[in-house]
Structures are given as C-alpha cells and as structure tokens.
Amino acid sequence: MYHNLKSAGVDQVLRAISAGGSVVAMATSFYSGGYTYTHVLTTKSGAQYRVSKQVMRAVPPPTE
C-alpha cells in the first residue's frame, strides 16, 4: 500500500508538521531504493508520503 507513495525529505516533513500535518509509524516497514521506509507523512490537505528511517532521524520528536 505505501510502496506507491512518493518519498518525503527532511525539509518537506518539517514544513508539513509545522503546518498541521502528522507523521505516524507504519505497521510494517519496507526497503526500497536503498532506504528503509518506516513512517507515513499526512499533510493537512490529506496528501500522503512515505518517510525513510534516515529522514526520521533528523525530525525532532513531538513536544506535548
């Protein structure tokens, strides 16, 4: 299901989160094109992107 999504980079993830988007962990990660994808970014408008483990390392944890 997530294999068909476009990939999101660090800047895109940070912008989307600050604009009201969210990032959630996938139930099962997968490997594609040299990267392991572990999360899905959903923007405020509803668009979804796959996010790699490497990108998530650069994203700060959410603050409560």
Protein backbone atom coordinates (compact mmCIF):
# COMPACT_ATOMS: atom_id res chain seq x y z
CA MET A 1 0.00 0.00 0.00
CA TYR A 2 2.70 2.52 0.98
CA HIS A 3 5.00 1.38 -1.84
CA ASN A 4 3.18 3.64 -4.30
CA LEU A 5 3.61 6.82 -2.24
CA LYS A 6 6.22 9.43 -3.13
CA SER A 7 9.11 9.92 -0.72
CA ALA A 8 9.36 12.96 1.53
CA GLY A 9 12.62 14.64 2.54
CA VAL A 10 13.53 16.29 5.83
CA ASP A 11 12.51 19.81 4.77
CA GLN A 12 9.16 18.63 3.45
CA VAL A 13 8.41 16.69 6.65
CA LEU A 14 9.33 19.62 8.90
CA ARG A 15 7.24 22.09 6.85
CA ALA A 16 4.23 19.75 6.84
CA ILE A 17 4.40 19.17 10.59
CA SER A 18 4.64 22.89 11.32
CA ALA A 19 1.62 23.46 9.05
CA GLY A 20 -0.53 20.92 10.91
CA GLY A 21 0.43 17.63 9.26
CA SER A 22 1.34 14.44 11.11
CA VAL A 23 3.79 11.56 10.89
CA VAL A 24 2.83 8.07 12.03
CA ALA A 25 4.76 4.82 12.10
CA MET A 26 3.89 2.13 9.57
CA ALA A 27 2.71 -1.21 10.92
CA THR A 28 5.44 -2.84 8.82
CA SER A 29 8.49 -1.10 7.36
CA PHE A 30 9.83 -1.89 3.90
CA TYR A 31 13.07 -1.47 1.94
CA SER A 32 13.10 0.24 -1.45
CA GLY A 33 15.76 2.00 -3.49
CA GLY A 34 18.40 1.86 -0.79
CA TYR A 35 16.19 3.19 2.03
CA THR A 36 14.08 1.64 4.74
CA TYR A 37 10.69 3.33 4.98
CA THR A 38 9.17 3.36 8.45
CA HIS A 39 6.70 6.26 8.63
CA VAL A 40 3.92 7.95 6.66
CA LEU A 41 3.54 11.72 6.47
CA THR A 42 -0.01 13.01 6.08
CA THR A 43 -0.24 16.70 5.23
CA LYS A 44 -3.01 18.98 6.43
CA SER A 45 -4.60 18.73 2.97
CA GLY A 46 -4.57 14.92 3.17
CA ALA A 47 -1.68 14.09 0.83
CA GLN A 48 0.47 11.16 1.99
CA TYR A 49 4.18 10.46 1.58
CA ARG A 50 6.46 7.67 2.73
CA VAL A 51 9.26 8.71 5.06
CA SER A 52 12.55 6.86 5.44
CA LYS A 53 14.26 5.88 8.66
CA GLN A 54 17.14 8.21 7.74
CA VAL A 55 14.79 11.22 7.37
CA MET A 56 13.10 10.43 10.69
CA ARG A 57 16.48 10.65 12.44
CA ALA A 58 16.57 14.36 11.51
CA VAL A 59 12.99 15.06 12.64
CA PRO A 60 12.74 16.18 16.28
CA PRO A 61 10.32 14.26 18.49
CA PRO A 62 6.92 15.87 19.05
CA THR A 63 6.55 18.18 22.03
CA GLU A 64 3.48 17.87 24.20
